[in-house]
C-alpha atoms as a PDB file:
ATOM      1  CA  MET A   1    -110.114  68.735  71.721  1.00  0.00           C
ATOM      2  CA  GLU A   2    -111.665  70.922  74.355  1.00  0.00           C
ATOM      3  CA  ALA A   3    -114.649  73.277  74.129  1.00  0.00           C
ATOM      4  CA  LEU A   4    -113.927  76.872  75.101  1.00  0.00           C
ATOM      5  CA  GLN A   5    -116.643  79.482  75.619  1.00  0.00           C
ATOM      6  CA  ILE A   6    -115.838  83.186  75.621  1.00  0.00           C
ATOM      7  CA  GLU A   7    -118.801  85.554  75.435  1.00  0.00           C
ATOM      8  CA  GLU A   8    -120.616  84.668  72.174  1.00  0.00           C
ATOM      9  CA  TRP A   9    -117.803  82.470  70.867  1.00  0.00           C
ATOM     10  CA  SER A  10    -117.790  78.725  71.210  1.00  0.00           C
ATOM     11  CA  LEU A  11    -114.499  77.234  70.045  1.00  0.00           C
ATOM     12  CA  LEU A  12    -113.309  73.652  69.807  1.00  0.00           C
ATOM     13  CA  ILE A  13    -109.587  73.810  70.611  1.00  0.00           C
ATOM     14  CA  ASP A  14    -106.690  71.387  70.395  1.00  0.00           C
ATOM     15  CA  GLU A  15    -104.442  73.160  72.907  1.00  0.00           C
ATOM     16  CA  GLN A  16    -101.542  70.680  72.686  1.00  0.00           C
ATOM     17  CA  THR A  17    -101.308  70.830  68.875  1.00  0.00           C
ATOM     18  CA  THR A  18    -101.435  74.632  69.001  1.00  0.00           C
ATOM     19  CA  LYS A  19     -98.647  74.692  71.605  1.00  0.00           C
ATOM     20  CA  GLN A  20     -96.486  72.401  69.500  1.00  0.00           C
ATOM     21  CA  ILE A  21     -96.898  74.590  66.416  1.00  0.00           C
ATOM     22  CA  TYR A  22     -95.981  77.737  68.354  1.00  0.00           C
ATOM     23  CA  GLU A  23     -92.876  76.073  69.826  1.00  0.00           C
ATOM     24  CA  ASP A  24     -91.474  75.743  66.309  1.00  0.00           C
ATOM     25  CA  LEU A  25     -92.035  79.402  65.380  1.00  0.00           C
ATOM     26  CA  PRO A  26     -89.218  81.942  65.706  1.00  0.00           C
ATOM     27  CA  ALA A  27     -89.576  84.954  68.002  1.00  0.00           C
ATOM     28  CA  THR A  28     -89.094  88.497  66.723  1.00  0.00           C
ATOM     29  CA  SER A  29     -86.930  90.945  68.660  1.00  0.00           C
ATOM     30  CA  SER A  30     -87.888  94.438  67.469  1.00  0.00           C
ATOM     31  CA  LYS A  31     -88.538  97.079  70.163  1.00  0.00           C
ATOM     32  CA  MET A  32     -92.244  97.069  69.304  1.00  0.00           C
ATOM     33  CA  HIS A  33     -92.369  93.270  69.800  1.00  0.00           C
ATOM     34  CA  GLN A  34     -90.365  93.523  73.048  1.00  0.00           C
ATOM     35  CA  ASN A  35     -92.784  96.124  74.412  1.00  0.00           C
ATOM     36  CA  PHE A  36     -95.769  94.013  73.342  1.00  0.00           C
ATOM     37  CA  ARG A  37     -94.364  90.963  75.179  1.00  0.00           C
ATOM     38  CA  GLN A  38     -93.695  92.973  78.337  1.00  0.00           C
ATOM     39  CA  VAL A  39     -97.174  94.513  78.394  1.00  0.00           C
ATOM     40  CA  MET A  40     -98.753  91.112  77.761  1.00  0.00           C
ATOM     41  CA  ARG A  41     -96.734  89.627  80.620  1.00  0.00           C
ATOM     42  CA  TYR A  42     -97.607  92.218  83.255  1.00  0.00           C
ATOM     43  CA  TYR A  43    -100.802  94.106  82.313  1.00  0.00           C
ATOM     44  CA  THR A  44    -103.184  91.753  80.497  1.00  0.00           C
ATOM     45  CA  ALA A  45    -104.168  88.890  82.791  1.00  0.00           C
ATOM     46  CA  ASP A  46    -107.486  88.029  81.072  1.00  0.00           C
ATOM     47  CA  MET A  47    -106.008  88.105  77.562  1.00  0.00           C
ATOM     48  CA  HIS A  48    -102.988  86.150  78.711  1.00  0.00           C
ATOM     49  CA  MET A  49    -105.208  83.485  80.309  1.00  0.00           C
ATOM     50  CA  PHE A  50    -107.394  83.277  77.175  1.00  0.00           C
ATOM     51  CA  LEU A  51    -104.352  82.726  74.947  1.00  0.00           C
ATOM     52  CA  GLU A  52    -102.965  80.104  77.321  1.00  0.00           C
ATOM     53  CA  ARG A  53    -106.270  78.199  77.168  1.00  0.00           C
ATOM     54  CA  LEU A  54    -105.949  78.224  73.371  1.00  0.00           C
ATOM     55  CA  GLY A  55    -102.359  76.960  73.551  1.00  0.00           C
ATOM     56  CA  VAL A  56    -101.155  80.190  71.898  1.00  0.00           C
ATOM     57  CA  ASP A  57     -97.731  81.617  72.742  1.00  0.00           C
ATOM     58  CA  TYR A  58     -98.466  85.323  73.318  1.00  0.00           C
ATOM     59  CA  THR A  59     -94.840  86.205  72.503  1.00  0.00           C
ATOM     60  CA  LYS A  60     -95.333  85.153  68.871  1.00  0.00           C
ATOM     61  CA  PRO A  61     -98.263  86.984  67.261  1.00  0.00           C
ATOM     62  CA  PHE A  62     -98.572  86.783  63.510  1.00  0.00           C
ATOM     63  CA  SER A  63     -98.371  89.961  61.410  1.00  0.00           C
ATOM     64  CA  LEU A  64     -97.994  92.315  64.404  1.00  0.00           C
ATOM     65  CA  GLN A  65     -98.274  95.960  63.365  1.00  0.00           C
ATOM     66  CA  ALA A  66     -97.512  98.840  65.697  1.00  0.00           C
ATOM     67  CA  LEU A  67     -98.260 102.535  65.458  1.00  0.00           C
ATOM     68  CA  PRO A  68     -97.113 105.065  68.090  1.00  0.00           C
ATOM     69  CA  VAL A  69     -99.980 107.144  69.507  1.00  0.00           C
ATOM     70  CA  ASP A  70    -100.505 109.642  72.323  1.00  0.00           C
ATOM     71  CA  GLN A  71     -97.179 111.395  71.661  1.00  0.00           C
ATOM     72  CA  GLY A  72     -95.237 108.159  71.954  1.00  0.00           C
ATOM     73  CA  GLU A  73     -96.683 107.179  75.336  1.00  0.00           C
ATOM     74  CA  LYS A  74     -98.755 104.367  73.853  1.00  0.00           C
ATOM     75  CA  VAL A  75     -98.748 101.998  70.893  1.00  0.00           C
ATOM     76  CA  MET A  76    -101.716 100.867  68.841  1.00  0.00           C
ATOM     77  CA  TYR A  77    -101.090  97.217  68.059  1.00  0.00           C
ATOM     78  CA  SER A  78    -102.964  95.058  65.604  1.00  0.00           C
ATOM     79  CA  GLY A  79    -102.237  91.505  64.639  1.00  0.00           C
ATOM     80  CA  VAL A  80    -103.377  87.913  64.526  1.00  0.00           C
ATOM     81  CA  PHE A  81    -103.094  84.784  66.642  1.00  0.00           C
ATOM     82  CA  TYR A  82    -103.946  81.313  65.349  1.00  0.00           C
ATOM     83  CA  ALA A  83    -105.209  78.291  67.233  1.00  0.00           C
ATOM     84  CA  TYR A  84    -105.746  74.728  66.053  1.00  0.00           C
ATOM     85  CA  GLY A  85    -109.411  73.807  66.151  1.00  0.00           C
ATOM     86  CA  ALA A  86    -112.795  74.951  64.883  1.00  0.00           C
ATOM     87  CA  VAL A  87    -115.311  77.745  65.457  1.00  0.00           C
ATOM     88  CA  MET A  88    -118.599  76.264  66.653  1.00  0.00           C
ATOM     89  CA  THR A  89    -120.437  79.597  67.087  1.00  0.00           C
ATOM     90  CA  GLY A  90    -119.369  83.199  66.672  1.00  0.00           C
ATOM     91  CA  ASP A  91    -119.725  85.925  64.101  1.00  0.00           C
ATOM     92  CA  PHE A  92    -116.863  86.486  61.715  1.00  0.00           C
ATOM     93  CA  GLU A  93    -115.541  89.995  61.154  1.00  0.00           C
ATOM     94  CA  ALA A  94    -117.432  91.315  64.191  1.00  0.00           C
ATOM     95  CA  TRP A  95    -115.230  93.029  66.769  1.00  0.00           C
ATOM     96  CA  ASP A  96    -117.378  91.675  69.560  1.00  0.00           C
ATOM     97  CA  VAL A  97    -115.113  90.369  72.328  1.00  0.00           C
ATOM     98  CA  MET A  98    -113.228  92.632  74.732  1.00  0.00           C
ATOM     99  CA  LEU A  99    -110.514  91.320  77.045  1.00  0.00           C
ATOM    100  CA  ASP A 100    -108.416  93.745  79.053  1.00  0.00           C
ATOM    101  CA  MET A 101    -107.391  96.401  76.511  1.00  0.00           C
ATOM    102  CA  PHE A 102    -107.916  94.050  73.524  1.00  0.00           C
ATOM    103  CA  CYS A 103    -110.717  94.110  71.009  1.00  0.00           C
ATOM    104  CA  LEU A 104    -110.980  90.684  69.356  1.00  0.00           C
ATOM    105  CA  SER A 105    -112.551  89.373  66.198  1.00  0.00           C
ATOM    106  CA  LEU A 106    -112.819  86.014  64.477  1.00  0.00           C
ATOM    107  CA  THR A 107    -111.510  86.629  60.994  1.00  0.00           C
ATOM    108  CA  ALA A 108    -111.028  84.609  57.863  1.00  0.00           C
ATOM    109  CA  GLN A 109    -108.086  86.321  56.174  1.00  0.00           C
ATOM    110  CA  PHE A 110    -105.618  83.475  56.611  1.00  0.00           C
ATOM    111  CA  ASP A 111    -102.666  85.450  55.255  1.00  0.00           C
ATOM    112  CA  SER A 112     -99.957  83.772  57.332  1.00  0.00           C
ATOM    113  CA  VAL A 113    -101.558  80.703  58.928  1.00  0.00           C
ATOM    114  CA  PRO A 114     -98.996  78.029  59.885  1.00  0.00           C
ATOM    115  CA  LEU A 115     -99.010  75.259  57.282  1.00  0.00           C
ATOM    116  CA  GLN A 116     -99.340  72.685  60.080  1.00  0.00           C
ATOM    117  CA  MET A 117    -102.813  74.027  60.941  1.00  0.00           C
ATOM    118  CA  GLY A 118    -104.237  73.776  57.455  1.00  0.00           C
ATOM    119  CA  GLU A 119    -108.019  74.138  57.454  1.00  0.00           C
ATOM    120  CA  ALA A 120    -108.207  73.543  61.204  1.00  0.00           C
ATOM    121  CA  ALA A 121    -107.001  77.087  61.922  1.00  0.00           C
ATOM    122  CA  ILE A 122    -108.969  79.562  63.999  1.00  0.00           C
ATOM    123  CA  GLU A 123    -107.836  83.109  63.237  1.00  0.00           C
ATOM    124  CA  ILE A 124    -108.274  85.669  66.009  1.00  0.00           C
ATOM    125  CA  SER A 125    -107.475  89.249  65.059  1.00  0.00           C
ATOM    126  CA  PHE A 126    -106.795  91.831  67.731  1.00  0.00           C
ATOM    127  CA  GLU A 127    -106.422  95.546  68.201  1.00  0.00           C
ATOM    128  CA  ALA A 128    -105.216  97.210  71.381  1.00  0.00           C
ATOM    129  CA  VAL A 129    -103.769 100.520  72.520  1.00  0.00           C
ATOM    130  CA  LEU A 130    -101.112  99.575  75.048  1.00  0.00           C
ATOM    131  CA  PRO A 131     -98.645 101.602  77.110  1.00  0.00           C
ATOM    132  CA  TRP A 132     -95.006 101.938  76.124  1.00  0.00           C
ATOM    133  CA  ILE A 133     -93.189 100.464  79.126  1.00  0.00           C
ATOM    134  CA  LEU A 134     -89.637  99.875  77.884  1.00  0.00           C
ATOM    135  CA  LYS A 135     -86.987 102.238  79.210  1.00  0.00           C
ATOM    136  CA  GLU A 136     -85.761 102.868  75.669  1.00  0.00           C
ATOM    137  CA  SER A 137     -87.750 105.267  73.530  1.00  0.00           C
ATOM    138  CA  MET A 138     -89.637 104.021  70.492  1.00  0.00           C
END
């Protein structure tokens, strides 16, 4: 396990176990998911790097919700990523970390945590308003 510090959060992460769990998860192919993946790939370097350090596959968020905003030019996304490890310090339910266009919170909902993580799951909720970049309309 490796210690990871991000602003006020101190996390103990097992990156390899997290990666293995994400490898076994199916990808979703809706237009909203496709747009999310493309934006993550090209416009969110800090968030992308943070998720990589956790071992999280950014293409497979849990419970991703999407709502068109700004007359269909943008999408408000909310969802959850999980990592295998433990929270050493950090307030739960406080939206206190900003990366790129993402507002992050440590949460304890655990609605869809992978069974393989059990009680060693760290749940990171996110909200972001991201551009619609696909050529197809929403």
